[in-house]
Amino acid sequence: MCTCLIHPKKDHSKLELAFRMHDSKEYSIQEILDATGISRATFYRYLSKWLIL
């Protein structure tokens, strides 16, 4: 079975940190991405779910 097509699970602590940084309005998106190591696409994909909560 090839696992090359399976995406690794996202580190939820990094996502949570990214969203807290975003909510604080003190950091630019690029600063958040650099600090957490997540991609821009991942950030925006999960941000829409975070804002609903």
PDB file of N, CA and C in Angstrom:
ATOM      1  N   MET A   1       0.847  -1.193   0.000  1.00  0.00           N
ATOM      2  CA  MET A   1       0.000   0.000   0.000  1.00  0.00           C
ATOM      3  C   MET A   1       0.884   1.245   0.000  1.00  0.00           C
ATOM      4  N   CYS A   2       0.620   2.125  -0.910  1.00  0.00           N
ATOM      5  CA  CYS A   2       1.402   3.347  -1.026  1.00  0.00           C
ATOM      6  C   CYS A   2       0.830   4.423  -0.099  1.00  0.00           C
ATOM      7  N   THR A   3       1.670   4.945   0.775  1.00  0.00           N
ATOM      8  CA  THR A   3       1.223   6.008   1.677  1.00  0.00           C
ATOM      9  C   THR A   3       1.617   7.386   1.160  1.00  0.00           C
ATOM     10  N   CYS A   4       2.168   7.436  -0.041  1.00  0.00           N
ATOM     11  CA  CYS A   4       2.641   8.719  -0.574  1.00  0.00           C
ATOM     12  C   CYS A   4       1.490   9.682  -0.876  1.00  0.00           C
ATOM     13  N   LEU A   5       0.294   9.191  -1.008  1.00  0.00           N
ATOM     14  CA  LEU A   5      -0.847  10.061  -1.319  1.00  0.00           C
ATOM     15  C   LEU A   5      -1.615  10.500  -0.080  1.00  0.00           C
ATOM     16  N   ILE A   6      -1.220   9.987   1.074  1.00  0.00           N
ATOM     17  CA  ILE A   6      -1.911  10.330   2.314  1.00  0.00           C
ATOM     18  C   ILE A   6      -1.227  11.547   2.939  1.00  0.00           C
ATOM     19  N   HIS A   7      -2.017  12.574   3.229  1.00  0.00           N
ATOM     20  CA  HIS A   7      -1.468  13.777   3.839  1.00  0.00           C
ATOM     21  C   HIS A   7      -1.248  13.530   5.326  1.00  0.00           C
ATOM     22  N   PRO A   8      -0.132  14.020   5.868  1.00  0.00           N
ATOM     23  CA  PRO A   8       0.078  13.884   7.308  1.00  0.00           C
ATOM     24  C   PRO A   8      -0.931  14.739   8.065  1.00  0.00           C
ATOM     25  N   LYS A   9      -1.271  14.323   9.270  1.00  0.00           N
ATOM     26  CA  LYS A   9      -2.195  15.109  10.073  1.00  0.00           C
ATOM     27  C   LYS A   9      -1.552  16.435  10.443  1.00  0.00           C
ATOM     28  N   LYS A  10      -2.360  17.455  10.504  1.00  0.00           N
ATOM     29  CA  LYS A  10      -1.859  18.777  10.850  1.00  0.00           C
ATOM     30  C   LYS A  10      -1.616  18.846  12.349  1.00  0.00           C
ATOM     31  N   ASP A  11      -0.588  19.580  12.722  1.00  0.00           N
ATOM     32  CA  ASP A  11      -0.280  19.779  14.133  1.00  0.00           C
ATOM     33  C   ASP A  11      -1.278  20.804  14.676  1.00  0.00           C
ATOM     34  N   HIS A  12      -2.225  20.329  15.438  1.00  0.00           N
ATOM     35  CA  HIS A  12      -3.297  21.212  15.912  1.00  0.00           C
ATOM     36  C   HIS A  12      -2.789  22.302  16.844  1.00  0.00           C
ATOM     37  N   SER A  13      -1.691  22.048  17.567  1.00  0.00           N
ATOM     38  CA  SER A  13      -1.162  23.098  18.437  1.00  0.00           C
ATOM     39  C   SER A  13      -0.617  24.257  17.606  1.00  0.00           C
ATOM     40  N   LYS A  14      -0.023  23.957  16.440  1.00  0.00           N
ATOM     41  CA  LYS A  14       0.473  25.013  15.560  1.00  0.00           C
ATOM     42  C   LYS A  14      -0.687  25.800  14.954  1.00  0.00           C
ATOM     43  N   LEU A  15      -1.745  25.088  14.592  1.00  0.00           N
ATOM     44  CA  LEU A  15      -2.917  25.770  14.044  1.00  0.00           C
ATOM     45  C   LEU A  15      -3.559  26.671  15.098  1.00  0.00           C
ATOM     46  N   GLU A  16      -3.668  26.164  16.312  1.00  0.00           N
ATOM     47  CA  GLU A  16      -4.273  26.955  17.379  1.00  0.00           C
ATOM     48  C   GLU A  16      -3.438  28.204  17.668  1.00  0.00           C
ATOM     49  N   LEU A  17      -2.121  28.038  17.681  1.00  0.00           N
ATOM     50  CA  LEU A  17      -1.242  29.188  17.869  1.00  0.00           C
ATOM     51  C   LEU A  17      -1.433  30.198  16.742  1.00  0.00           C
ATOM     52  N   ALA A  18      -1.508  29.711  15.521  1.00  0.00           N
ATOM     53  CA  ALA A  18      -1.699  30.597  14.371  1.00  0.00           C
ATOM     54  C   ALA A  18      -2.989  31.394  14.500  1.00  0.00           C
ATOM     55  N   PHE A  19      -4.059  30.752  14.931  1.00  0.00           N
ATOM     56  CA  PHE A  19      -5.345  31.441  15.046  1.00  0.00           C
ATOM     57  C   PHE A  19      -5.349  32.427  16.204  1.00  0.00           C
ATOM     58  N   ARG A  20      -4.659  32.088  17.278  1.00  0.00           N
ATOM     59  CA  ARG A  20      -4.546  33.049  18.386  1.00  0.00           C
ATOM     60  C   ARG A  20      -3.761  34.274  17.953  1.00  0.00           C
ATOM     61  N   MET A  21      -2.681  34.042  17.209  1.00  0.00           N
ATOM     62  CA  MET A  21      -1.898  35.165  16.699  1.00  0.00           C
ATOM     63  C   MET A  21      -2.750  36.024  15.774  1.00  0.00           C
ATOM     64  N   HIS A  22      -3.541  35.379  14.928  1.00  0.00           N
ATOM     65  CA  HIS A  22      -4.415  36.103  14.004  1.00  0.00           C
ATOM     66  C   HIS A  22      -5.455  36.914  14.771  1.00  0.00           C
ATOM     67  N   ASP A  23      -6.046  36.302  15.787  1.00  0.00           N
ATOM     68  CA  ASP A  23      -7.070  36.982  16.585  1.00  0.00           C
ATOM     69  C   ASP A  23      -6.510  38.195  17.333  1.00  0.00           C
ATOM     70  N   SER A  24      -5.228  38.142  17.689  1.00  0.00           N
ATOM     71  CA  SER A  24      -4.626  39.244  18.449  1.00  0.00           C
ATOM     72  C   SER A  24      -4.437  40.501  17.593  1.00  0.00           C
ATOM     73  N   LYS A  25      -4.453  40.347  16.267  1.00  0.00           N
ATOM     74  CA  LYS A  25      -4.270  41.465  15.329  1.00  0.00           C
ATOM     75  C   LYS A  25      -2.890  42.125  15.455  1.00  0.00           C
ATOM     76  N   GLU A  26      -1.933  41.432  16.083  1.00  0.00           N
ATOM     77  CA  GLU A  26      -0.587  41.985  16.265  1.00  0.00           C
ATOM     78  C   GLU A  26       0.405  41.475  15.227  1.00  0.00           C
ATOM     79  N   TYR A  27       0.027  40.473  14.446  1.00  0.00           N
ATOM     80  CA  TYR A  27       0.952  39.822  13.525  1.00  0.00           C
ATOM     81  C   TYR A  27       0.389  39.824  12.111  1.00  0.00           C
ATOM     82  N   SER A  28       1.290  39.943  11.157  1.00  0.00           N
ATOM     83  CA  SER A  28       0.872  39.812   9.761  1.00  0.00           C
ATOM     84  C   SER A  28       0.702  38.324   9.450  1.00  0.00           C
ATOM     85  N   ILE A  29       0.022  38.036   8.364  1.00  0.00           N
ATOM     86  CA  ILE A  29      -0.163  36.644   7.955  1.00  0.00           C
ATOM     87  C   ILE A  29       1.190  35.983   7.729  1.00  0.00           C
ATOM     88  N   GLN A  30       2.107  36.690   7.095  1.00  0.00           N
ATOM     89  CA  GLN A  30       3.425  36.115   6.826  1.00  0.00           C
ATOM     90  C   GLN A  30       4.172  35.807   8.127  1.00  0.00           C
ATOM     91  N   GLU A  31       4.067  36.680   9.118  1.00  0.00           N
ATOM     92  CA  GLU A  31       4.702  36.420  10.408  1.00  0.00           C
ATOM     93  C   GLU A  31       4.111  35.179  11.069  1.00  0.00           C
ATOM     94  N   ILE A  32       2.807  35.015  10.953  1.00  0.00           N
ATOM     95  CA  ILE A  32       2.137  33.840  11.520  1.00  0.00           C
ATOM     96  C   ILE A  32       2.617  32.572  10.830  1.00  0.00           C
ATOM     97  N   LEU A  33       2.681  32.617   9.494  1.00  0.00           N
ATOM     98  CA  LEU A  33       3.110  31.441   8.736  1.00  0.00           C
ATOM     99  C   LEU A  33       4.557  31.093   9.052  1.00  0.00           C
ATOM    100  N   ASP A  34       5.418  32.090   9.160  1.00  0.00           N
ATOM    101  CA  ASP A  34       6.826  31.845   9.482  1.00  0.00           C
ATOM    102  C   ASP A  34       6.986  31.263  10.884  1.00  0.00           C
ATOM    103  N   ALA A  35       6.209  31.763  11.833  1.00  0.00           N
ATOM    104  CA  ALA A  35       6.329  31.313  13.223  1.00  0.00           C
ATOM    105  C   ALA A  35       5.808  29.889  13.418  1.00  0.00           C
ATOM    106  N   THR A  36       4.798  29.523  12.655  1.00  0.00           N
ATOM    107  CA  THR A  36       4.173  28.212  12.864  1.00  0.00           C
ATOM    108  C   THR A  36       4.628  27.156  11.868  1.00  0.00           C
ATOM    109  N   GLY A  37       5.122  27.592  10.724  1.00  0.00           N
ATOM    110  CA  GLY A  37       5.572  26.641   9.716  1.00  0.00           C
ATOM    111  C   GLY A  37       4.459  26.013   8.901  1.00  0.00           C
ATOM    112  N   ILE A  38       3.245  26.556   9.003  1.00  0.00           N
ATOM    113  CA  ILE A  38       2.151  26.020   8.194  1.00  0.00           C
ATOM    114  C   ILE A  38       2.059  26.818   6.896  1.00  0.00           C
ATOM    115  N   SER A  39       1.462  26.219   5.897  1.00  0.00           N
ATOM    116  CA  SER A  39       1.353  26.896   4.612  1.00  0.00           C
ATOM    117  C   SER A  39       0.176  27.874   4.625  1.00  0.00           C
ATOM    118  N   ARG A  40       0.238  28.813   3.704  1.00  0.00           N
ATOM    119  CA  ARG A  40      -0.841  29.799   3.569  1.00  0.00           C
ATOM    120  C   ARG A  40      -2.174  29.106   3.261  1.00  0.00           C
ATOM    121  N   ALA A  41      -2.137  28.113   2.376  1.00  0.00           N
ATOM    122  CA  ALA A  41      -3.360  27.392   2.007  1.00  0.00           C
ATOM    123  C   ALA A  41      -3.959  26.679   3.216  1.00  0.00           C
ATOM    124  N   THR A  42      -3.114  26.029   3.991  1.00  0.00           N
ATOM    125  CA  THR A  42      -3.588  25.330   5.190  1.00  0.00           C
ATOM    126  C   THR A  42      -4.166  26.323   6.183  1.00  0.00           C
ATOM    127  N   PHE A  43      -3.483  27.442   6.363  1.00  0.00           N
ATOM    128  CA  PHE A  43      -3.958  28.458   7.304  1.00  0.00           C
ATOM    129  C   PHE A  43      -5.365  28.918   6.946  1.00  0.00           C
ATOM    130  N   TYR A  44      -5.573  29.282   5.694  1.00  0.00           N
ATOM    131  CA  TYR A  44      -6.887  29.782   5.291  1.00  0.00           C
ATOM    132  C   TYR A  44      -7.945  28.678   5.269  1.00  0.00           C
ATOM    133  N   ARG A  45      -7.549  27.458   4.941  1.00  0.00           N
ATOM    134  CA  ARG A  45      -8.501  26.343   4.930  1.00  0.00           C
ATOM    135  C   ARG A  45      -9.070  26.116   6.337  1.00  0.00           C
ATOM    136  N   TYR A  46      -8.189  26.110   7.335  1.00  0.00           N
ATOM    137  CA  TYR A  46      -8.632  25.858   8.702  1.00  0.00           C
ATOM    138  C   TYR A  46      -9.186  27.108   9.371  1.00  0.00           C
ATOM    139  N   LEU A  47      -8.782  28.290   8.909  1.00  0.00           N
ATOM    140  CA  LEU A  47      -9.284  29.530   9.501  1.00  0.00           C
ATOM    141  C   LEU A  47     -10.790  29.643   9.339  1.00  0.00           C
ATOM    142  N   SER A  48     -11.307  29.252   8.185  1.00  0.00           N
ATOM    143  CA  SER A  48     -12.750  29.345   7.972  1.00  0.00           C
ATOM    144  C   SER A  48     -13.496  28.467   8.970  1.00  0.00           C
ATOM    145  N   LYS A  49     -12.937  27.330   9.310  1.00  0.00           N
ATOM    146  CA  LYS A  49     -13.564  26.449  10.301  1.00  0.00           C
ATOM    147  C   LYS A  49     -13.433  27.038  11.694  1.00  0.00           C
ATOM    148  N   TRP A  50     -12.286  27.664  11.991  1.00  0.00           N
ATOM    149  CA  TRP A  50     -12.030  28.271  13.302  1.00  0.00           C
ATOM    150  C   TRP A  50     -13.002  29.422  13.570  1.00  0.00           C
ATOM    151  N   LEU A  51     -13.281  30.219  12.554  1.00  0.00           N
ATOM    152  CA  LEU A  51     -14.156  31.378  12.735  1.00  0.00           C
ATOM    153  C   LEU A  51     -15.599  30.982  13.003  1.00  0.00           C
ATOM    154  N   ILE A  52     -15.979  29.793  12.563  1.00  0.00           N
ATOM    155  CA  ILE A  52     -17.341  29.324  12.807  1.00  0.00           C
ATOM    156  C   ILE A  52     -17.529  28.935  14.274  1.00  0.00           C
ATOM    157  N   LEU A  53     -16.465  28.450  14.903  1.00  0.00           N
ATOM    158  CA  LEU A  53     -16.557  27.987  16.304  1.00  0.00           C
ATOM    159  C   LEU A  53     -16.746  29.100  17.237  1.00  0.00           C
TER     160      LEU A  53
END
